[in-house]
C-alpha cells in the first residue's frame, strides 16, 4: 500500500522554515552623508584700484657749505612746540633761515619761536 504523505506536517515545516528564513523587517534608514554647508557665494570685493606707492621725498637745503634736512627740521620744531604750546594746534608755519642757522615757526598765527639748527 502506498503511503500517504502527511501534507499537514509538510506545510507546517515549510511555514516554520519560511518564517525562520524571513529577515526581520527593518525600516531602511539611509543616512545621507553629512552635507557640506552650502558655501555662500563669496561676494567678490571690487578690486580696489591699487594706490601707486608714492616715492619718498627727501628734501635738503644747502646753503654756504651747510646741508639741512627738512624732515629733521620738522621733527625739531614739533618737539619744541609741544613743550611750549598748550591747547589745540591748527596750523604751524615754518620758516628756514640758513643764514641765521635757525628755523622760525608760528603756531595758530599767535605764537612764534625759533629753533637753532
Protein backbone atom coordinates (compact mmCIF):
# COMPACT_ATOMS: atom_id res chain seq x y z
CA UNK A 1 0.00 0.00 0.00
CA UNK A 2 1.39 3.23 -0.93
CA UNK A 3 1.98 5.57 1.83
CA UNK A 4 0.03 8.67 2.10
CA UNK A 5 2.04 11.75 2.58
CA UNK A 6 1.33 13.81 5.57
CA UNK A 7 0.76 17.13 3.90
CA UNK A 8 -0.09 18.90 7.10
CA UNK A 9 3.32 18.21 8.55
CA UNK A 10 4.99 19.35 5.37
CA UNK A 11 3.04 22.57 5.36
CA UNK A 12 3.97 23.27 8.96
CA UNK A 13 7.62 22.61 8.27
CA UNK A 14 7.50 24.87 5.25
CA UNK A 15 5.93 27.70 7.23
CA UNK A 16 8.43 27.30 10.06
CA UNK A 17 11.35 27.24 7.67
CA UNK A 18 9.95 30.16 5.72
CA UNK A 19 9.49 32.21 8.90
CA UNK A 20 12.98 31.35 10.05
CA UNK A 21 14.42 32.47 6.73
CA UNK A 22 12.47 35.71 6.67
CA UNK A 23 14.56 38.61 7.73
CA UNK A 24 13.04 40.83 10.30
CA UNK A 25 11.53 43.86 8.74
CA UNK A 26 13.72 46.82 9.41
CA UNK A 27 12.98 50.21 8.10
CA UNK A 28 15.59 51.13 5.66
CA UNK A 29 17.28 54.08 7.25
CA UNK A 30 19.53 55.59 4.75
CA UNK A 31 21.73 58.26 6.17
CA UNK A 32 22.82 60.81 3.74
CA UNK A 33 26.43 61.69 4.03
CA UNK A 34 26.86 64.81 6.04
CA UNK A 35 26.13 67.61 3.67
CA UNK A 36 28.69 70.30 3.49
CA UNK A 37 27.15 73.62 4.33
CA UNK A 38 26.39 75.40 1.16
CA UNK A 39 29.06 77.93 0.56
CA UNK A 40 27.65 81.34 0.23
CA UNK A 41 28.61 82.91 -2.97
CA UNK A 42 31.68 84.77 -1.93
CA UNK A 43 30.90 88.34 -2.61
CA UNK A 44 33.84 89.46 -4.56
CA UNK A 45 35.06 92.76 -3.40
CA UNK A 46 35.55 95.06 -6.27
CA UNK A 47 39.20 95.28 -6.98
CA UNK A 48 40.32 98.42 -5.30
CA UNK A 49 42.49 100.44 -7.54
CA UNK A 50 45.96 99.89 -6.28
CA UNK A 51 47.32 103.06 -4.97
CA UNK A 52 50.61 103.59 -6.57
CA UNK A 53 53.33 103.75 -3.99
CA UNK A 54 54.30 107.34 -3.66
CA UNK A 55 58.02 107.86 -3.77
CA UNK A 56 59.56 109.07 -0.57
CA UNK A 57 60.71 112.63 -0.92
CA UNK A 58 63.83 113.73 0.88
CA UNK A 59 64.24 117.48 0.77
CA UNK A 60 67.52 119.05 1.81
CA UNK A 61 68.51 122.69 1.81
CA UNK A 62 72.12 123.52 1.00
CA UNK A 63 73.47 126.93 1.84
CA UNK A 64 77.06 128.13 2.14
CA UNK A 65 78.50 124.67 2.52
CA UNK A 66 75.85 123.54 5.07
CA UNK A 67 73.09 120.99 4.46
CA UNK A 68 69.76 120.87 6.32
CA UNK A 69 67.23 118.04 6.13
CA UNK A 70 63.63 119.28 6.16
CA UNK A 71 62.34 116.13 7.95
CA UNK A 72 64.84 116.72 10.76
CA UNK A 73 63.80 120.38 10.93
CA UNK A 74 60.12 119.43 11.17
CA UNK A 75 60.86 116.92 13.95
CA UNK A 76 62.82 119.55 15.90
CA UNK A 77 60.01 122.11 15.54
CA UNK A 78 57.37 119.58 16.64
CA UNK A 79 59.36 118.65 19.75
CA UNK A 80 59.91 122.32 20.64
CA UNK A 81 56.34 123.46 20.15
CA UNK A 82 54.83 120.53 22.10
CA UNK A 83 56.75 121.62 25.15
CA UNK A 84 55.69 125.27 24.77
CA UNK A 85 52.20 125.31 23.24
CA UNK A 86 49.16 124.13 25.17
CA UNK A 87 45.80 123.57 23.51
CA UNK A 88 44.74 122.71 20.01
CA UNK A 89 47.23 123.27 17.22
CA UNK A 90 45.55 124.13 13.93
CA UNK A 91 48.44 125.43 11.84
CA UNK A 92 52.20 125.51 12.01
CA UNK A 93 54.18 127.71 9.65
CA UNK A 94 57.91 127.01 9.40
CA UNK A 95 60.48 129.46 8.04
CA UNK A 96 64.03 128.25 7.42
CA UNK A 97 66.76 130.90 7.55
CA UNK A 98 70.03 129.15 6.76
CA UNK A 99 71.99 132.43 7.03
CA UNK A 100 70.95 132.61 10.72
CA UNK A 101 71.27 128.84 11.20
CA UNK A 102 67.78 128.93 12.66
CA UNK A 103 64.21 127.85 11.97
CA UNK A 104 61.35 130.14 12.96
CA UNK A 105 57.85 128.82 13.42
CA UNK A 106 54.40 130.30 14.04
CA UNK A 107 51.61 128.29 15.67
CA UNK A 108 47.95 129.20 15.07
CA UNK A 109 49.04 132.66 13.93
CA UNK A 110 49.52 133.77 17.55
CA UNK A 111 52.64 132.06 18.96
CA UNK A 112 56.10 132.13 17.44
CA UNK A 113 59.53 130.90 18.44
CA UNK A 114 62.75 129.65 16.87
CA UNK A 115 64.88 126.53 16.86
CA UNK A 116 68.64 126.64 16.32
CA UNK A 117 69.99 124.38 13.60
